[in-house]
């Protein structure tokens, strides 16, 4: 009877440990998704500012929004074939990472119409 009780307790302990790992993994994935969602919002906001609030000129710019660090790269798109009387095409890429991480969480790119390069 005593051996059966010990075996039953071991089975309960193993199932509780598996459940704990599952809950911890789920919480970790939830934090990752939330960080990526925040990074996408920051990247979209910064990308929308280029050409309207921020002038289009070649180079890099960086900034900090809360716990997120963003970097924008602006360069003329292509070989100037997109240039017209109304302006030229510019490639704008914004990448966002957390302050504590070196890998980008998200990178968004677009083309904007702006002054000739």
PDB file of N, CA and C in Angstrom:
ATOM      1  N   UNK A   1       0.814  -1.188   0.000  1.00  0.00           N
ATOM      2  CA  UNK A   1       0.000   0.000   0.000  1.00  0.00           C
ATOM      3  C   UNK A   1       0.866   1.264   0.000  1.00  0.00           C
ATOM      4  N   UNK A   2       1.955   1.254   0.751  1.00  0.00           N
ATOM      5  CA  UNK A   2       2.858   2.407   0.844  1.00  0.00           C
ATOM      6  C   UNK A   2       3.547   2.665  -0.493  1.00  0.00           C
ATOM      7  N   UNK A   3       3.971   1.613  -1.189  1.00  0.00           N
ATOM      8  CA  UNK A   3       4.652   1.746  -2.475  1.00  0.00           C
ATOM      9  C   UNK A   3       3.689   2.331  -3.509  1.00  0.00           C
ATOM     10  N   UNK A   4       2.450   1.893  -3.479  1.00  0.00           N
ATOM     11  CA  UNK A   4       1.458   2.418  -4.424  1.00  0.00           C
ATOM     12  C   UNK A   4       1.212   3.906  -4.179  1.00  0.00           C
ATOM     13  N   UNK A   5       1.216   4.333  -2.946  1.00  0.00           N
ATOM     14  CA  UNK A   5       1.032   5.749  -2.618  1.00  0.00           C
ATOM     15  C   UNK A   5       2.200   6.583  -3.132  1.00  0.00           C
ATOM     16  N   UNK A   6       3.393   6.069  -2.989  1.00  0.00           N
ATOM     17  CA  UNK A   6       4.591   6.778  -3.471  1.00  0.00           C
ATOM     18  C   UNK A   6       4.558   6.880  -4.991  1.00  0.00           C
ATOM     19  N   UNK A   7       4.166   5.814  -5.661  1.00  0.00           N
ATOM     20  CA  UNK A   7       4.073   5.832  -7.128  1.00  0.00           C
ATOM     21  C   UNK A   7       3.003   6.833  -7.571  1.00  0.00           C
ATOM     22  N   UNK A   8       1.872   6.866  -6.911  1.00  0.00           N
ATOM     23  CA  UNK A   8       0.810   7.810  -7.248  1.00  0.00           C
ATOM     24  C   UNK A   8       1.275   9.245  -7.028  1.00  0.00           C
ATOM     25  N   UNK A   9       1.996   9.490  -5.946  1.00  0.00           N
ATOM     26  CA  UNK A   9       2.515  10.839  -5.677  1.00  0.00           C
ATOM     27  C   UNK A   9       3.529  11.246  -6.741  1.00  0.00           C
ATOM     28  N   UNK A  10       4.346  10.311  -7.201  1.00  0.00           N
ATOM     29  CA  UNK A  10       5.330  10.607  -8.246  1.00  0.00           C
ATOM     30  C   UNK A  10       4.633  10.950  -9.557  1.00  0.00           C
ATOM     31  N   UNK A  11       3.569  10.227  -9.876  1.00  0.00           N
ATOM     32  CA  UNK A  11       2.815  10.505 -11.108  1.00  0.00           C
ATOM     33  C   UNK A  11       2.170  11.893 -11.037  1.00  0.00           C
ATOM     34  N   UNK A  12       1.594  12.228  -9.885  1.00  0.00           N
ATOM     35  CA  UNK A  12       0.991  13.551  -9.709  1.00  0.00           C
ATOM     36  C   UNK A  12       2.057  14.640  -9.822  1.00  0.00           C
ATOM     37  N   UNK A  13       3.231  14.420  -9.230  1.00  0.00           N
ATOM     38  CA  UNK A  13       4.314  15.401  -9.283  1.00  0.00           C
ATOM     39  C   UNK A  13       4.797  15.613 -10.716  1.00  0.00           C
ATOM     40  N   UNK A  14       4.919  14.526 -11.480  1.00  0.00           N
ATOM     41  CA  UNK A  14       5.369  14.645 -12.874  1.00  0.00           C
ATOM     42  C   UNK A  14       4.329  15.392 -13.713  1.00  0.00           C
ATOM     43  N   UNK A  15       3.053  15.112 -13.504  1.00  0.00           N
ATOM     44  CA  UNK A  15       2.033  15.815 -14.278  1.00  0.00           C
ATOM     45  C   UNK A  15       1.966  17.294 -13.902  1.00  0.00           C
ATOM     46  N   UNK A  16       2.163  17.622 -12.619  1.00  0.00           N
ATOM     47  CA  UNK A  16       2.198  19.032 -12.205  1.00  0.00           C
ATOM     48  C   UNK A  16       3.406  19.751 -12.800  1.00  0.00           C
ATOM     49  N   UNK A  17       4.552  19.080 -12.851  1.00  0.00           N
ATOM     50  CA  UNK A  17       5.753  19.690 -13.448  1.00  0.00           C
ATOM     51  C   UNK A  17       5.535  19.949 -14.935  1.00  0.00           C
ATOM     52  N   UNK A  18       4.912  19.005 -15.635  1.00  0.00           N
ATOM     53  CA  UNK A  18       4.632  19.205 -17.063  1.00  0.00           C
ATOM     54  C   UNK A  18       3.662  20.352 -17.266  1.00  0.00           C
ATOM     55  N   UNK A  19       2.653  20.450 -16.403  1.00  0.00           N
ATOM     56  CA  UNK A  19       1.701  21.541 -16.502  1.00  0.00           C
ATOM     57  C   UNK A  19       2.381  22.896 -16.232  1.00  0.00           C
ATOM     58  N   UNK A  20       3.273  22.941 -15.262  1.00  0.00           N
ATOM     59  CA  UNK A  20       3.993  24.174 -14.955  1.00  0.00           C
ATOM     60  C   UNK A  20       4.848  24.613 -16.139  1.00  0.00           C
ATOM     61  N   UNK A  21       5.545  23.671 -16.777  1.00  0.00           N
ATOM     62  CA  UNK A  21       6.356  24.013 -17.952  1.00  0.00           C
ATOM     63  C   UNK A  21       5.482  24.550 -19.071  1.00  0.00           C
ATOM     64  N   UNK A  22       4.314  23.950 -19.246  1.00  0.00           N
ATOM     65  CA  UNK A  22       3.396  24.394 -20.292  1.00  0.00           C
ATOM     66  C   UNK A  22       2.910  25.821 -20.023  1.00  0.00           C
ATOM     67  N   UNK A  23       2.555  26.125 -18.808  1.00  0.00           N
ATOM     68  CA  UNK A  23       2.085  27.467 -18.459  1.00  0.00           C
ATOM     69  C   UNK A  23       3.219  28.485 -18.594  1.00  0.00           C
ATOM     70  N   UNK A  24       4.424  28.119 -18.155  1.00  0.00           N
ATOM     71  CA  UNK A  24       5.575  29.025 -18.264  1.00  0.00           C
ATOM     72  C   UNK A  24       5.914  29.299 -19.727  1.00  0.00           C
ATOM     73  N   UNK A  25       5.851  28.269 -20.570  1.00  0.00           N
ATOM     74  CA  UNK A  25       6.125  28.440 -21.993  1.00  0.00           C
ATOM     75  C   UNK A  25       5.072  29.331 -22.639  1.00  0.00           C
ATOM     76  N   UNK A  26       3.824  29.153 -22.265  1.00  0.00           N
ATOM     77  CA  UNK A  26       2.752  29.980 -22.797  1.00  0.00           C
ATOM     78  C   UNK A  26       2.928  31.444 -22.401  1.00  0.00           C
ATOM     79  N   UNK A  27       3.316  31.695 -21.163  1.00  0.00           N
ATOM     80  CA  UNK A  27       3.539  33.075 -20.709  1.00  0.00           C
ATOM     81  C   UNK A  27       4.712  33.706 -21.459  1.00  0.00           C
ATOM     82  N   UNK A  28       5.763  32.935 -21.701  1.00  0.00           N
ATOM     83  CA  UNK A  28       6.923  33.440 -22.437  1.00  0.00           C
ATOM     84  C   UNK A  28       6.539  33.788 -23.873  1.00  0.00           C
ATOM     85  N   UNK A  29       5.775  32.926 -24.514  1.00  0.00           N
ATOM     86  CA  UNK A  29       5.332  33.203 -25.885  1.00  0.00           C
ATOM     87  C   UNK A  29       4.415  34.429 -25.921  1.00  0.00           C
ATOM     88  N   UNK A  30       3.596  34.582 -24.917  1.00  0.00           N
ATOM     89  CA  UNK A  30       2.716  35.749 -24.848  1.00  0.00           C
ATOM     90  C   UNK A  30       3.533  37.040 -24.741  1.00  0.00           C
ATOM     91  N   UNK A  31       4.603  37.032 -23.933  1.00  0.00           N
ATOM     92  CA  UNK A  31       5.470  38.211 -23.823  1.00  0.00           C
ATOM     93  C   UNK A  31       6.150  38.513 -25.154  1.00  0.00           C
ATOM     94  N   UNK A  32       6.595  37.473 -25.859  1.00  0.00           N
ATOM     95  CA  UNK A  32       7.243  37.674 -27.158  1.00  0.00           C
ATOM     96  C   UNK A  32       6.275  38.288 -28.167  1.00  0.00           C
ATOM     97  N   UNK A  33       5.051  37.787 -28.196  1.00  0.00           N
ATOM     98  CA  UNK A  33       4.047  38.313 -29.124  1.00  0.00           C
ATOM     99  C   UNK A  33       3.724  39.765 -28.787  1.00  0.00           C
ATOM    100  N   UNK A  34       3.615  40.066 -27.513  1.00  0.00           N
ATOM    101  CA  UNK A  34       3.307  41.438 -27.093  1.00  0.00           C
ATOM    102  C   UNK A  34       4.452  42.392 -27.463  1.00  0.00           C
ATOM    103  N   UNK A  35       5.694  41.942 -27.311  1.00  0.00           N
ATOM    104  CA  UNK A  35       6.846  42.768 -27.706  1.00  0.00           C
ATOM    105  C   UNK A  35       6.848  43.016 -29.201  1.00  0.00           C
ATOM    106  N   UNK A  36       6.563  41.983 -29.967  1.00  0.00           N
ATOM    107  CA  UNK A  36       6.546  42.134 -31.423  1.00  0.00           C
ATOM    108  C   UNK A  36       5.402  43.054 -31.864  1.00  0.00           C
ATOM    109  N   UNK A  37       4.250  42.955 -31.205  1.00  0.00           N
ATOM    110  CA  UNK A  37       3.121  43.826 -31.537  1.00  0.00           C
ATOM    111  C   UNK A  37       3.480  45.284 -31.262  1.00  0.00           C
ATOM    112  N   UNK A  38       4.126  45.538 -30.128  1.00  0.00           N
ATOM    113  CA  UNK A  38       4.542  46.903 -29.800  1.00  0.00           C
ATOM    114  C   UNK A  38       5.580  47.397 -30.806  1.00  0.00           C
ATOM    115  N   UNK A  39       6.483  46.523 -31.228  1.00  0.00           N
ATOM    116  CA  UNK A  39       7.505  46.907 -32.203  1.00  0.00           C
ATOM    117  C   UNK A  39       6.876  47.247 -33.547  1.00  0.00           C
ATOM    118  N   UNK A  40       5.871  46.502 -33.960  1.00  0.00           N
ATOM    119  CA  UNK A  40       5.181  46.792 -35.224  1.00  0.00           C
ATOM    120  C   UNK A  40       4.495  48.151 -35.148  1.00  0.00           C
ATOM    121  N   UNK A  41       3.876  48.453 -34.024  1.00  0.00           N
ATOM    122  CA  UNK A  41       3.221  49.757 -33.872  1.00  0.00           C
ATOM    123  C   UNK A  41       4.226  50.900 -33.948  1.00  0.00           C
ATOM    124  N   UNK A  42       5.382  50.737 -33.301  1.00  0.00           N
ATOM    125  CA  UNK A  42       6.423  51.768 -33.353  1.00  0.00           C
ATOM    126  C   UNK A  42       6.935  51.923 -34.785  1.00  0.00           C
ATOM    127  N   UNK A  43       7.203  50.799 -35.458  1.00  0.00           N
ATOM    128  CA  UNK A  43       7.719  50.856 -36.832  1.00  0.00           C
ATOM    129  C   UNK A  43       6.713  51.517 -37.769  1.00  0.00           C
ATOM    130  N   UNK A  44       5.436  51.171 -37.652  1.00  0.00           N
ATOM    131  CA  UNK A  44       4.417  51.795 -38.506  1.00  0.00           C
ATOM    132  C   UNK A  44       4.334  53.299 -38.251  1.00  0.00           C
ATOM    133  N   UNK A  45       4.416  53.693 -37.002  1.00  0.00           N
ATOM    134  CA  UNK A  45       4.340  55.110 -36.658  1.00  0.00           C
ATOM    135  C   UNK A  45       5.527  55.880 -37.227  1.00  0.00           C
ATOM    136  N   UNK A  46       6.713  55.347 -37.064  1.00  0.00           N
ATOM    137  CA  UNK A  46       7.904  56.032 -37.578  1.00  0.00           C
ATOM    138  C   UNK A  46       7.919  56.042 -39.097  1.00  0.00           C
ATOM    139  N   UNK A  47       7.482  54.956 -39.713  1.00  0.00           N
ATOM    140  CA  UNK A  47       7.439  54.883 -41.170  1.00  0.00           C
ATOM    141  C   UNK A  47       6.454  55.902 -41.739  1.00  0.00           C
ATOM    142  N   UNK A  48       5.328  56.085 -41.070  1.00  0.00           N
ATOM    143  CA  UNK A  48       4.327  57.046 -41.529  1.00  0.00           C
ATOM    144  C   UNK A  48       4.829  58.478 -41.439  1.00  0.00           C
ATOM    145  N   UNK A  49       5.766  58.747 -40.535  1.00  0.00           N
ATOM    146  CA  UNK A  49       6.261  60.112 -40.357  1.00  0.00           C
ATOM    147  C   UNK A  49       7.193  60.546 -41.489  1.00  0.00           C
ATOM    148  N   UNK A  50       7.841  59.600 -42.159  1.00  0.00           N
ATOM    149  CA  UNK A  50       8.791  59.962 -43.214  1.00  0.00           C
ATOM    150  C   UNK A  50       8.053  60.473 -44.439  1.00  0.00           C
ATOM    151  N   UNK A  51       8.482  61.630 -44.895  1.00  0.00           N
ATOM    152  CA  UNK A  51       7.872  62.267 -46.049  1.00  0.00           C
ATOM    153  C   UNK A  51       6.789  63.253 -45.659  1.00  0.00           C
ATOM    154  N   UNK A  52       6.259  63.156 -44.445  1.00  0.00           N
ATOM    155  CA  UNK A  52       5.250  64.114 -43.988  1.00  0.00           C
ATOM    156  C   UNK A  52       5.849  64.998 -42.899  1.00  0.00           C
ATOM    157  N   UNK A  53       6.199  64.422 -41.763  1.00  0.00           N
ATOM    158  CA  UNK A  53       6.780  65.191 -40.667  1.00  0.00           C
ATOM    159  C   UNK A  53       8.295  65.191 -40.696  1.00  0.00           C
ATOM    160  N   UNK A  54       8.890  64.145 -41.241  1.00  0.00           N
ATOM    161  CA  UNK A  54      10.346  64.011 -41.323  1.00  0.00           C
ATOM    162  C   UNK A  54      10.744  64.088 -42.791  1.00  0.00           C
ATOM    163  N   UNK A  55      11.635  65.013 -43.147  1.00  0.00           N
ATOM    164  CA  UNK A  55      12.010  65.146 -44.559  1.00  0.00           C
ATOM    165  C   UNK A  55      12.765  63.910 -45.065  1.00  0.00           C
ATOM    166  N   UNK A  56      12.601  63.645 -46.352  1.00  0.00           N
ATOM    167  CA  UNK A  56      13.301  62.521 -46.978  1.00  0.00           C
ATOM    168  C   UNK A  56      14.676  62.983 -47.438  1.00  0.00           C
ATOM    169  N   UNK A  57      15.697  62.533 -46.766  1.00  0.00           N
ATOM    170  CA  UNK A  57      17.070  62.764 -47.205  1.00  0.00           C
ATOM    171  C   UNK A  57      17.880  61.525 -46.862  1.00  0.00           C
ATOM    172  N   UNK A  58      18.863  61.200 -47.671  1.00  0.00           N
ATOM    173  CA  UNK A  58      19.602  59.950 -47.466  1.00  0.00           C
ATOM    174  C   UNK A  58      20.318  59.924 -46.119  1.00  0.00           C
ATOM    175  N   UNK A  59      20.352  58.742 -45.529  1.00  0.00           N
ATOM    176  CA  UNK A  59      21.058  58.571 -44.267  1.00  0.00           C
ATOM    177  C   UNK A  59      20.276  57.719 -43.285  1.00  0.00           C
ATOM    178  N   UNK A  60      20.796  57.699 -42.064  1.00  0.00           N
ATOM    179  CA  UNK A  60      20.169  56.927 -40.993  1.00  0.00           C
ATOM    180  C   UNK A  60      19.742  57.865 -39.875  1.00  0.00           C
ATOM    181  N   UNK A  61      18.692  57.469 -39.201  1.00  0.00           N
ATOM    182  CA  UNK A  61      18.282  58.173 -37.992  1.00  0.00           C
ATOM    183  C   UNK A  61      17.796  57.136 -36.999  1.00  0.00           C
ATOM    184  N   UNK A  62      17.933  57.457 -35.723  1.00  0.00           N
ATOM    185  CA  UNK A  62      17.530  56.524 -34.672  1.00  0.00           C
ATOM    186  C   UNK A  62      16.720  57.267 -33.627  1.00  0.00           C
ATOM    187  N   UNK A  63      16.027  56.497 -32.835  1.00  0.00           N
ATOM    188  CA  UNK A  63      15.246  57.087 -31.767  1.00  0.00           C
ATOM    189  C   UNK A  63      14.827  56.043 -30.752  1.00  0.00           C
ATOM    190  N   UNK A  64      14.214  56.512 -29.711  1.00  0.00           N
ATOM    191  CA  UNK A  64      13.786  55.649 -28.618  1.00  0.00           C
ATOM    192  C   UNK A  64      12.324  55.956 -28.301  1.00  0.00           C
ATOM    193  N   UNK A  65      11.506  54.918 -28.277  1.00  0.00           N
ATOM    194  CA  UNK A  65      10.099  55.041 -27.905  1.00  0.00           C
ATOM    195  C   UNK A  65       9.842  54.009 -26.811  1.00  0.00           C
ATOM    196  N   UNK A  66       9.716  54.475 -25.587  1.00  0.00           N
ATOM    197  CA  UNK A  66       9.522  53.551 -24.468  1.00  0.00           C
ATOM    198  C   UNK A  66      10.715  52.621 -24.327  1.00  0.00           C
ATOM    199  N   UNK A  67      10.475  51.334 -24.433  1.00  0.00           N
ATOM    200  CA  UNK A  67      11.540  50.328 -24.339  1.00  0.00           C
ATOM    201  C   UNK A  67      12.027  49.876 -25.710  1.00  0.00           C
ATOM    202  N   UNK A  68      11.580  50.563 -26.763  1.00  0.00           N
ATOM    203  CA  UNK A  68      11.922  50.172 -28.133  1.00  0.00           C
ATOM    204  C   UNK A  68      12.884  51.169 -28.760  1.00  0.00           C
ATOM    205  N   UNK A  69      13.895  50.645 -29.446  1.00  0.00           N
ATOM    206  CA  UNK A  69      14.858  51.464 -30.189  1.00  0.00           C
ATOM    207  C   UNK A  69      14.565  51.269 -31.668  1.00  0.00           C
ATOM    208  N   UNK A  70      14.366  52.361 -32.394  1.00  0.00           N
ATOM    209  CA  UNK A  70      14.118  52.256 -33.821  1.00  0.00           C
ATOM    210  C   UNK A  70      15.254  52.869 -34.612  1.00  0.00           C
ATOM    211  N   UNK A  71      15.449  52.363 -35.827  1.00  0.00           N
ATOM    212  CA  UNK A  71      16.462  52.884 -36.746  1.00  0.00           C
ATOM    213  C   UNK A  71      15.832  52.968 -38.126  1.00  0.00           C
ATOM    214  N   UNK A  72      15.985  54.103 -38.764  1.00  0.00           N
ATOM    215  CA  UNK A  72      15.436  54.307 -40.104  1.00  0.00           C
ATOM    216  C   UNK A  72      16.578  54.519 -41.084  1.00  0.00           C
ATOM    217  N   UNK A  73      16.504  53.842 -42.209  1.00  0.00           N
ATOM    218  CA  UNK A  73      17.464  54.001 -43.301  1.00  0.00           C
ATOM    219  C   UNK A  73      16.714  54.568 -44.500  1.00  0.00           C
ATOM    220  N   UNK A  74      17.181  55.704 -45.008  1.00  0.00           N
ATOM    221  CA  UNK A  74      16.559  56.347 -46.164  1.00  0.00           C
ATOM    222  C   UNK A  74      17.588  56.405 -47.274  1.00  0.00           C
ATOM    223  N   UNK A  75      17.198  55.949 -48.464  1.00  0.00           N
ATOM    224  CA  UNK A  75      18.105  55.988 -49.618  1.00  0.00           C
ATOM    225  C   UNK A  75      17.282  56.131 -50.891  1.00  0.00           C
ATOM    226  N   UNK A  76      17.878  56.685 -51.940  1.00  0.00           N
ATOM    227  CA  UNK A  76      17.160  56.759 -53.218  1.00  0.00           C
ATOM    228  C   UNK A  76      16.860  55.342 -53.713  1.00  0.00           C
ATOM    229  N   UNK A  77      15.694  55.163 -54.270  1.00  0.00           N
ATOM    230  CA  UNK A  77      15.307  53.837 -54.767  1.00  0.00           C
ATOM    231  C   UNK A  77      15.800  53.663 -56.190  1.00  0.00           C
ATOM    232  N   UNK A  78      16.510  52.603 -56.433  1.00  0.00           N
ATOM    233  CA  UNK A  78      16.944  52.258 -57.783  1.00  0.00           C
ATOM    234  C   UNK A  78      18.002  53.189 -58.329  1.00  0.00           C
ATOM    235  N   UNK A  79      17.987  53.306 -59.657  1.00  0.00           N
ATOM    236  CA  UNK A  79      19.008  54.082 -60.361  1.00  0.00           C
ATOM    237  C   UNK A  79      18.488  55.430 -60.844  1.00  0.00           C
ATOM    238  N   UNK A  80      17.425  55.909 -60.250  1.00  0.00           N
ATOM    239  CA  UNK A  80      16.861  57.192 -60.672  1.00  0.00           C
ATOM    240  C   UNK A  80      15.823  57.050 -61.764  1.00  0.00           C
ATOM    241  N   UNK A  81      15.521  55.803 -62.168  1.00  0.00           N
ATOM    242  CA  UNK A  81      14.534  55.588 -63.233  1.00  0.00           C
ATOM    243  C   UNK A  81      13.142  55.995 -62.781  1.00  0.00           C
ATOM    244  N   UNK A  82      12.903  56.022 -61.462  1.00  0.00           N
ATOM    245  CA  UNK A  82      11.591  56.406 -60.948  1.00  0.00           C
ATOM    246  C   UNK A  82      11.422  57.910 -60.828  1.00  0.00           C
ATOM    247  N   UNK A  83      12.451  58.677 -61.191  1.00  0.00           N
ATOM    248  CA  UNK A  83      12.378  60.129 -61.069  1.00  0.00           C
ATOM    249  C   UNK A  83      11.442  60.705 -62.126  1.00  0.00           C
ATOM    250  N   UNK A  84      10.703  61.725 -61.730  1.00  0.00           N
ATOM    251  CA  UNK A  84       9.800  62.405 -62.661  1.00  0.00           C
ATOM    252  C   UNK A  84       9.753  63.882 -62.293  1.00  0.00           C
ATOM    253  N   UNK A  85       8.861  64.588 -62.930  1.00  0.00           N
ATOM    254  CA  UNK A  85       8.730  66.023 -62.663  1.00  0.00           C
ATOM    255  C   UNK A  85       8.220  66.278 -61.247  1.00  0.00           C
ATOM    256  N   UNK A  86       7.527  65.315 -60.662  1.00  0.00           N
ATOM    257  CA  UNK A  86       6.987  65.516 -59.315  1.00  0.00           C
ATOM    258  C   UNK A  86       7.947  65.055 -58.229  1.00  0.00           C
ATOM    259  N   UNK A  87       9.019  64.389 -58.596  1.00  0.00           N
ATOM    260  CA  UNK A  87       9.998  63.954 -57.601  1.00  0.00           C
ATOM    261  C   UNK A  87      10.569  62.595 -57.915  1.00  0.00           C
ATOM    262  N   UNK A  88      11.264  62.039 -56.952  1.00  0.00           N
ATOM    263  CA  UNK A  88      11.879  60.728 -57.118  1.00  0.00           C
ATOM    264  C   UNK A  88      11.408  59.770 -56.035  1.00  0.00           C
ATOM    265  N   UNK A  89      11.718  58.503 -56.250  1.00  0.00           N
ATOM    266  CA  UNK A  89      11.348  57.484 -55.266  1.00  0.00           C
ATOM    267  C   UNK A  89      12.457  57.299 -54.246  1.00  0.00           C
ATOM    268  N   UNK A  90      12.052  57.169 -52.993  1.00  0.00           N
ATOM    269  CA  UNK A  90      12.973  56.939 -51.894  1.00  0.00           C
ATOM    270  C   UNK A  90      12.586  55.647 -51.189  1.00  0.00           C
ATOM    271  N   UNK A  91      13.575  54.857 -50.834  1.00  0.00           N
ATOM    272  CA  UNK A  91      13.347  53.642 -50.061  1.00  0.00           C
ATOM    273  C   UNK A  91      13.523  53.997 -48.584  1.00  0.00           C
ATOM    274  N   UNK A  92      12.496  53.710 -47.792  1.00  0.00           N
ATOM    275  CA  UNK A  92      12.534  53.973 -46.356  1.00  0.00           C
ATOM    276  C   UNK A  92      12.346  52.639 -45.644  1.00  0.00           C
ATOM    277  N   UNK A  93      13.313  52.279 -44.801  1.00  0.00           N
ATOM    278  CA  UNK A  93      13.239  51.037 -44.024  1.00  0.00           C
ATOM    279  C   UNK A  93      13.377  51.386 -42.548  1.00  0.00           C
ATOM    280  N   UNK A  94      12.462  50.879 -41.744  1.00  0.00           N
ATOM    281  CA  UNK A  94      12.493  51.111 -40.301  1.00  0.00           C
ATOM    282  C   UNK A  94      12.579  49.762 -39.604  1.00  0.00           C
ATOM    283  N   UNK A  95      13.573  49.617 -38.740  1.00  0.00           N
ATOM    284  CA  UNK A  95      13.695  48.399 -37.939  1.00  0.00           C
ATOM    285  C   UNK A  95      13.597  48.779 -36.463  1.00  0.00           C
ATOM    286  N   UNK A  96      13.009  47.887 -35.681  1.00  0.00           N
ATOM    287  CA  UNK A  96      12.769  48.142 -34.262  1.00  0.00           C
ATOM    288  C   UNK A  96      13.260  46.950 -33.459  1.00  0.00           C
ATOM    289  N   UNK A  97      13.924  47.250 -32.341  1.00  0.00           N
ATOM    290  CA  UNK A  97      14.372  46.218 -31.408  1.00  0.00           C
ATOM    291  C   UNK A  97      14.141  46.729 -29.998  1.00  0.00           C
ATOM    292  N   UNK A  98      14.208  45.834 -29.030  1.00  0.00           N
ATOM    293  CA  UNK A  98      14.078  46.284 -27.645  1.00  0.00           C
ATOM    294  C   UNK A  98      15.436  46.806 -27.177  1.00  0.00           C
ATOM    295  N   UNK A  99      15.435  47.600 -26.110  1.00  0.00           N
ATOM    296  CA  UNK A  99      16.694  48.172 -25.599  1.00  0.00           C
ATOM    297  C   UNK A  99      17.658  47.091 -25.132  1.00  0.00           C
ATOM    298  N   UNK A 100      17.140  45.958 -24.713  1.00  0.00           N
ATOM    299  CA  UNK A 100      17.992  44.910 -24.143  1.00  0.00           C
ATOM    300  C   UNK A 100      18.370  43.840 -25.139  1.00  0.00           C
ATOM    301  N   UNK A 101      17.899  43.943 -26.389  1.00  0.00           N
ATOM    302  CA  UNK A 101      18.155  42.901 -27.380  1.00  0.00           C
ATOM    303  C   UNK A 101      18.889  43.499 -28.571  1.00  0.00           C
ATOM    304  N   UNK A 102      19.683  42.685 -29.249  1.00  0.00           N
ATOM    305  CA  UNK A 102      20.421  43.163 -30.416  1.00  0.00           C
ATOM    306  C   UNK A 102      19.739  42.771 -31.724  1.00  0.00           C
ATOM    307  N   UNK A 103      18.830  41.828 -31.669  1.00  0.00           N
ATOM    308  CA  UNK A 103      18.141  41.383 -32.877  1.00  0.00           C
ATOM    309  C   UNK A 103      16.891  42.232 -33.103  1.00  0.00           C
ATOM    310  N   UNK A 104      16.625  42.533 -34.369  1.00  0.00           N
ATOM    311  CA  UNK A 104      15.433  43.299 -34.716  1.00  0.00           C
ATOM    312  C   UNK A 104      14.188  42.463 -34.471  1.00  0.00           C
ATOM    313  N   UNK A 105      13.188  43.080 -33.867  1.00  0.00           N
ATOM    314  CA  UNK A 105      11.897  42.417 -33.692  1.00  0.00           C
ATOM    315  C   UNK A 105      11.074  42.511 -34.963  1.00  0.00           C
ATOM    316  N   UNK A 106      11.220  43.634 -35.666  1.00  0.00           N
ATOM    317  CA  UNK A 106      10.459  43.843 -36.894  1.00  0.00           C
ATOM    318  C   UNK A 106      11.225  44.797 -37.804  1.00  0.00           C
ATOM    319  N   UNK A 107      11.023  44.655 -39.104  1.00  0.00           N
ATOM    320  CA  UNK A 107      11.614  45.566 -40.097  1.00  0.00           C
ATOM    321  C   UNK A 107      10.554  45.796 -41.171  1.00  0.00           C
ATOM    322  N   UNK A 108      10.215  47.060 -41.386  1.00  0.00           N
ATOM    323  CA  UNK A 108       9.236  47.434 -42.406  1.00  0.00           C
ATOM    324  C   UNK A 108       9.910  48.322 -43.442  1.00  0.00           C
ATOM    325  N   UNK A 109       9.559  48.137 -44.706  1.00  0.00           N
ATOM    326  CA  UNK A 109      10.116  48.943 -45.792  1.00  0.00           C
ATOM    327  C   UNK A 109       8.984  49.456 -46.666  1.00  0.00           C
ATOM    328  N   UNK A 110       9.216  50.629 -47.259  1.00  0.00           N
ATOM    329  CA  UNK A 110       8.249  51.195 -48.196  1.00  0.00           C
ATOM    330  C   UNK A 110       8.987  52.116 -49.167  1.00  0.00           C
ATOM    331  N   UNK A 111       8.284  52.528 -50.187  1.00  0.00           N
ATOM    332  CA  UNK A 111       8.781  53.534 -51.134  1.00  0.00           C
ATOM    333  C   UNK A 111       7.956  54.794 -50.946  1.00  0.00           C
ATOM    334  N   UNK A 112       8.627  55.934 -50.948  1.00  0.00           N
ATOM    335  CA  UNK A 112       7.960  57.234 -50.798  1.00  0.00           C
ATOM    336  C   UNK A 112       8.349  58.132 -51.966  1.00  0.00           C
ATOM    337  N   UNK A 113       7.416  58.956 -52.365  1.00  0.00           N
ATOM    338  CA  UNK A 113       7.689  59.950 -53.394  1.00  0.00           C
ATOM    339  C   UNK A 113       8.155  61.215 -52.695  1.00  0.00           C
ATOM    340  N   UNK A 114       9.326  61.709 -53.108  1.00  0.00           N
ATOM    341  CA  UNK A 114       9.890  62.892 -52.480  1.00  0.00           C
ATOM    342  C   UNK A 114      10.718  63.680 -53.463  1.00  0.00           C
ATOM    343  N   UNK A 115      11.509  64.611 -52.969  1.00  0.00           N
ATOM    344  CA  UNK A 115      12.331  65.441 -53.863  1.00  0.00           C
ATOM    345  C   UNK A 115      13.375  64.587 -54.586  1.00  0.00           C
ATOM    346  N   UNK A 116      13.843  65.099 -55.709  1.00  0.00           N
ATOM    347  CA  UNK A 116      14.876  64.391 -56.480  1.00  0.00           C
ATOM    348  C   UNK A 116      16.106  64.136 -55.604  1.00  0.00           C
ATOM    349  N   UNK A 117      16.699  62.993 -55.784  1.00  0.00           N
ATOM    350  CA  UNK A 117      17.894  62.650 -54.997  1.00  0.00           C
ATOM    351  C   UNK A 117      19.108  63.372 -55.533  1.00  0.00           C
TER     352      UNK A 117
END
